[in-house]
Amino acid sequence: MASLYDLQGREVLKQKTDLAVIRLPSLPSGLYVLLLQTKNGQHILRKVAVK
């Protein structure tokens, strides 16, 4: 599962995926927080910059 949040904490994308690639639709430029949940329940947080 992949969720993308803007810096105000609003979820802007939620995607169920088993792929190593996450497709980002046309999002406004800015910074986002990506939260990934692996199959074994591990959570991974990353900052994402969209140009």
Protein backbone atom coordinates (compact mmCIF):
# COMPACT_ATOMS: atom_id res chain seq x y z
CA MET A 1 0.00 0.00 0.00
CA ALA A 2 1.27 3.46 -0.85
CA SER A 3 -0.18 6.71 0.42
CA LEU A 4 0.95 10.19 -0.54
CA TYR A 5 0.27 13.22 1.68
CA ASP A 6 0.74 16.93 1.11
CA LEU A 7 2.47 19.00 3.79
CA GLN A 8 -0.89 19.91 5.34
CA GLY A 9 -1.45 16.22 6.07
CA ARG A 10 -4.14 15.67 3.43
CA GLU A 11 -4.01 12.34 1.63
CA VAL A 12 -3.72 13.09 -2.09
CA LEU A 13 -3.11 9.55 -3.37
CA LYS A 14 -3.76 6.05 -2.11
CA GLN A 15 -2.63 3.15 -4.23
CA LYS A 16 -2.51 -0.58 -3.65
CA THR A 17 0.63 -1.77 -5.39
CA ASP A 18 3.08 -4.65 -5.45
CA LEU A 19 5.31 -2.85 -7.92
CA ALA A 20 8.62 -1.13 -7.31
CA VAL A 21 7.28 1.82 -9.32
CA ILE A 22 4.55 4.10 -8.04
CA ARG A 23 2.73 6.15 -10.66
CA LEU A 24 2.13 9.75 -9.63
CA PRO A 25 -0.69 11.45 -11.46
CA SER A 26 -0.43 15.10 -12.44
CA LEU A 27 0.25 16.61 -9.04
CA PRO A 28 1.05 20.26 -8.37
CA SER A 29 4.73 20.98 -7.80
CA GLY A 30 5.74 20.73 -4.18
CA LEU A 31 6.85 18.50 -1.36
CA TYR A 32 4.95 15.40 -0.32
CA VAL A 33 5.32 12.60 2.20
CA LEU A 34 5.16 9.04 0.88
CA LEU A 35 4.11 6.30 3.29
CA LEU A 36 4.70 2.75 2.11
CA GLN A 37 3.49 -0.34 3.93
CA THR A 38 5.25 -3.56 3.00
CA LYS A 39 3.64 -7.00 2.94
CA ASN A 40 5.24 -7.82 6.28
CA GLY A 41 3.71 -4.70 7.88
CA GLN A 42 6.82 -2.50 7.87
CA HIS A 43 6.17 1.24 7.34
CA ILE A 44 8.57 3.34 5.27
CA LEU A 45 8.36 7.15 5.16
CA ARG A 46 10.04 9.21 2.43
CA LYS A 47 9.94 12.83 1.33
CA VAL A 48 9.06 13.30 -2.35
CA ALA A 49 9.63 16.45 -4.41
CA VAL A 50 7.39 16.87 -7.47
CA LYS A 51 8.73 19.28 -10.09
